[in-house]
């Protein structure tokens, strides 16, 4: 069996092949595995179901031993696809504490860290795209053109900031 990453691999029902794909994936693809669902209010506001979890986001654990706990993301490890949350720690015998790695699928983003302009721009354009889809479905081209101009305007606003 090859140990390298196969670009042409589509999918398999065999668990061993799925694990192998995830293990051997390059970092730019492993980064996509770090996507986490958004809270219902954020989902409605930004019209996006999931986003990549980042340092500074506030998350809630929705599954596992620490279910129900919330905290800020301290560290995101793209290589091992793990997230470390403040307050979820392991107490060692020598008295020190260490953060416990969590899987992003067991988390839900409650509050976003919007200090990065690229992330803000992406969220704004997603909202505008959703508006254009609604307008196009209604059948009026004029409104769709206006919203496309609004998307370009928001991109320019973020660049100027």
Protein backbone atom coordinates (compact mmCIF):
# COMPACT_ATOMS: atom_id res chain seq x y z
CA UNK A 1 0.00 0.00 0.00
CA UNK A 2 1.33 3.44 -0.89
CA UNK A 3 2.21 5.73 1.98
CA UNK A 4 2.01 8.95 -0.03
CA UNK A 5 -1.00 11.20 -0.47
CA UNK A 6 -3.11 10.46 -3.55
CA UNK A 7 -4.57 13.58 -5.22
CA UNK A 8 -6.95 11.50 -7.30
CA UNK A 9 -8.55 9.69 -4.35
CA UNK A 10 -12.28 10.39 -4.27
CA UNK A 11 -13.76 8.33 -1.47
CA UNK A 12 -14.05 4.87 -0.02
CA UNK A 13 -16.34 3.07 2.40
CA UNK A 14 -13.31 1.33 3.89
CA UNK A 15 -12.37 2.97 7.18
CA UNK A 16 -8.68 2.14 6.82
CA UNK A 17 -8.51 4.06 3.53
CA UNK A 18 -10.35 7.03 5.03
CA UNK A 19 -7.89 7.11 7.94
CA UNK A 20 -4.96 6.80 5.58
CA UNK A 21 -6.27 9.73 3.49
CA UNK A 22 -6.60 11.96 6.54
CA UNK A 23 -3.24 10.92 7.99
CA UNK A 24 -1.26 11.43 4.78
CA UNK A 25 -3.03 14.62 3.67
CA UNK A 26 -0.86 17.74 3.21
CA UNK A 27 -1.34 20.70 5.58
CA UNK A 28 -3.44 22.78 3.17
CA UNK A 29 -6.00 19.96 3.07
CA UNK A 30 -5.71 19.12 6.79
CA UNK A 31 -6.57 22.76 7.43
CA UNK A 32 -10.00 22.12 5.90
CA UNK A 33 -10.55 19.32 8.45
CA UNK A 34 -10.50 22.04 11.15
CA UNK A 35 -13.90 23.40 10.12
CA UNK A 36 -16.37 23.66 12.99
CA UNK A 37 -20.10 24.32 13.05
CA UNK A 38 -21.36 27.77 14.00
CA UNK A 39 -23.92 28.57 16.67
CA UNK A 40 -27.48 29.08 15.34
CA UNK A 41 -27.35 32.87 15.78
CA UNK A 42 -23.99 33.17 13.96
CA UNK A 43 -25.21 30.81 11.24
CA UNK A 44 -28.19 33.06 10.63
CA UNK A 45 -26.13 36.27 10.78
CA UNK A 46 -23.35 35.20 8.38
CA UNK A 47 -25.28 32.65 6.28
CA UNK A 48 -22.48 30.09 6.75
CA UNK A 49 -22.84 26.69 8.39
CA UNK A 50 -19.21 26.11 9.36
CA UNK A 51 -15.89 27.95 9.50
CA UNK A 52 -12.30 27.04 10.26
CA UNK A 53 -11.72 27.33 13.99
CA UNK A 54 -9.03 29.86 14.94
CA UNK A 55 -7.09 30.96 17.96
CA UNK A 56 -9.22 33.51 19.82
CA UNK A 57 -12.62 32.04 18.90
CA UNK A 58 -14.94 31.10 21.74
CA UNK A 59 -16.14 27.52 21.43
CA UNK A 60 -18.49 25.17 23.26
CA UNK A 61 -17.82 21.45 23.57
CA UNK A 62 -20.88 19.57 22.29
CA UNK A 63 -19.64 15.98 22.61
CA UNK A 64 -17.31 13.95 24.76
CA UNK A 65 -16.05 14.05 28.33
CA UNK A 66 -16.11 17.87 28.55
CA UNK A 67 -19.57 18.34 26.99
CA UNK A 68 -21.14 21.70 27.89
CA UNK A 69 -17.88 23.51 28.74
CA UNK A 70 -16.97 26.72 26.93
CA UNK A 71 -13.70 28.55 26.50
CA UNK A 72 -11.40 30.43 24.17
CA UNK A 73 -9.26 28.56 21.69
CA UNK A 74 -5.64 28.73 22.87
CA UNK A 75 -3.98 26.76 20.09
CA UNK A 76 -4.91 25.04 16.83
CA UNK A 77 -2.70 22.20 15.64
CA UNK A 78 -3.22 21.70 11.90
CA UNK A 79 -0.76 18.81 11.65
CA UNK A 80 -2.67 16.60 14.09
CA UNK A 81 -6.09 18.26 13.49
CA UNK A 82 -6.56 19.13 17.18
CA UNK A 83 -7.85 22.19 19.03
CA UNK A 84 -6.78 23.26 22.52
CA UNK A 85 -9.34 25.21 24.60
CA UNK A 86 -8.60 27.28 27.71
CA UNK A 87 -10.13 25.78 30.84
CA UNK A 88 -10.06 22.22 29.57
CA UNK A 89 -6.89 20.99 31.22
CA UNK A 90 -5.24 17.90 32.60
CA UNK A 91 -3.70 18.14 36.08
CA UNK A 92 -0.40 16.31 36.34
CA UNK A 93 1.12 14.72 39.42
CA UNK A 94 3.81 17.40 39.67
CA UNK A 95 1.10 20.07 39.91
CA UNK A 96 1.44 21.46 36.39
CA UNK A 97 -1.45 21.70 33.95
CA UNK A 98 -1.57 20.76 30.29
CA UNK A 99 -4.24 21.54 27.71
CA UNK A 100 -6.22 18.58 26.40
CA UNK A 101 -6.45 18.20 22.58
CA UNK A 102 -10.01 18.14 21.22
CA UNK A 103 -11.37 17.20 17.83
CA UNK A 104 -12.96 20.13 15.95
CA UNK A 105 -16.03 18.00 15.13
CA UNK A 106 -16.86 17.96 18.86
CA UNK A 107 -16.90 21.76 19.08
CA UNK A 108 -19.28 24.58 18.14
CA UNK A 109 -18.16 28.16 17.59
CA UNK A 110 -20.13 30.53 19.84
CA UNK A 111 -18.21 33.76 19.20
CA UNK A 112 -15.86 34.63 16.33
CA UNK A 113 -12.52 36.42 16.54
CA UNK A 114 -12.90 39.15 13.90
CA UNK A 115 -9.47 40.77 14.32
CA UNK A 116 -8.35 39.42 10.91
CA UNK A 117 -9.53 41.49 7.92
CA UNK A 118 -9.42 38.50 5.55
CA UNK A 119 -11.88 36.61 7.72
CA UNK A 120 -14.19 39.63 7.98
CA UNK A 121 -14.09 40.08 4.21
CA UNK A 122 -14.93 36.41 3.64
CA UNK A 123 -17.91 36.61 6.00
CA UNK A 124 -19.20 39.82 4.40
CA UNK A 125 -18.92 38.40 0.89
CA UNK A 126 -20.71 35.21 1.99
CA UNK A 127 -23.60 37.32 3.30
CA UNK A 128 -23.74 39.31 0.05
CA UNK A 129 -23.62 36.14 -2.06
CA UNK A 130 -26.55 34.73 -0.14
CA UNK A 131 -28.48 37.95 -0.77
CA UNK A 132 -27.76 37.77 -4.52
CA UNK A 133 -28.94 34.15 -4.64
CA UNK A 134 -32.22 35.17 -3.02
CA UNK A 135 -32.64 38.02 -5.48
CA UNK A 136 -31.80 35.87 -8.50
CA UNK A 137 -34.34 33.28 -7.40
CA UNK A 138 -37.01 35.98 -7.32
CA UNK A 139 -36.26 36.64 -11.00
CA UNK A 140 -35.14 40.28 -11.12
CA UNK A 141 -31.77 40.92 -12.75
CA UNK A 142 -31.59 44.58 -11.75
CA UNK A 143 -31.51 43.81 -8.03
CA UNK A 144 -28.84 41.13 -8.55
CA UNK A 145 -26.58 43.62 -10.33
CA UNK A 146 -27.01 46.10 -7.47
CA UNK A 147 -26.01 43.52 -4.88
CA UNK A 148 -22.93 42.50 -6.92
CA UNK A 149 -21.88 46.15 -6.84
CA UNK A 150 -22.44 46.13 -3.07
CA UNK A 151 -20.12 43.10 -2.73
CA UNK A 152 -17.38 44.94 -4.62
CA UNK A 153 -17.93 47.99 -2.43
CA UNK A 154 -17.53 45.96 0.78
CA UNK A 155 -14.28 44.46 -0.53
CA UNK A 156 -12.96 47.96 -1.16
CA UNK A 157 -14.08 49.11 2.30
CA UNK A 158 -12.17 46.27 4.01
CA UNK A 159 -9.06 46.99 1.92
CA UNK A 160 -9.20 50.67 2.92
CA UNK A 161 -9.47 49.81 6.63
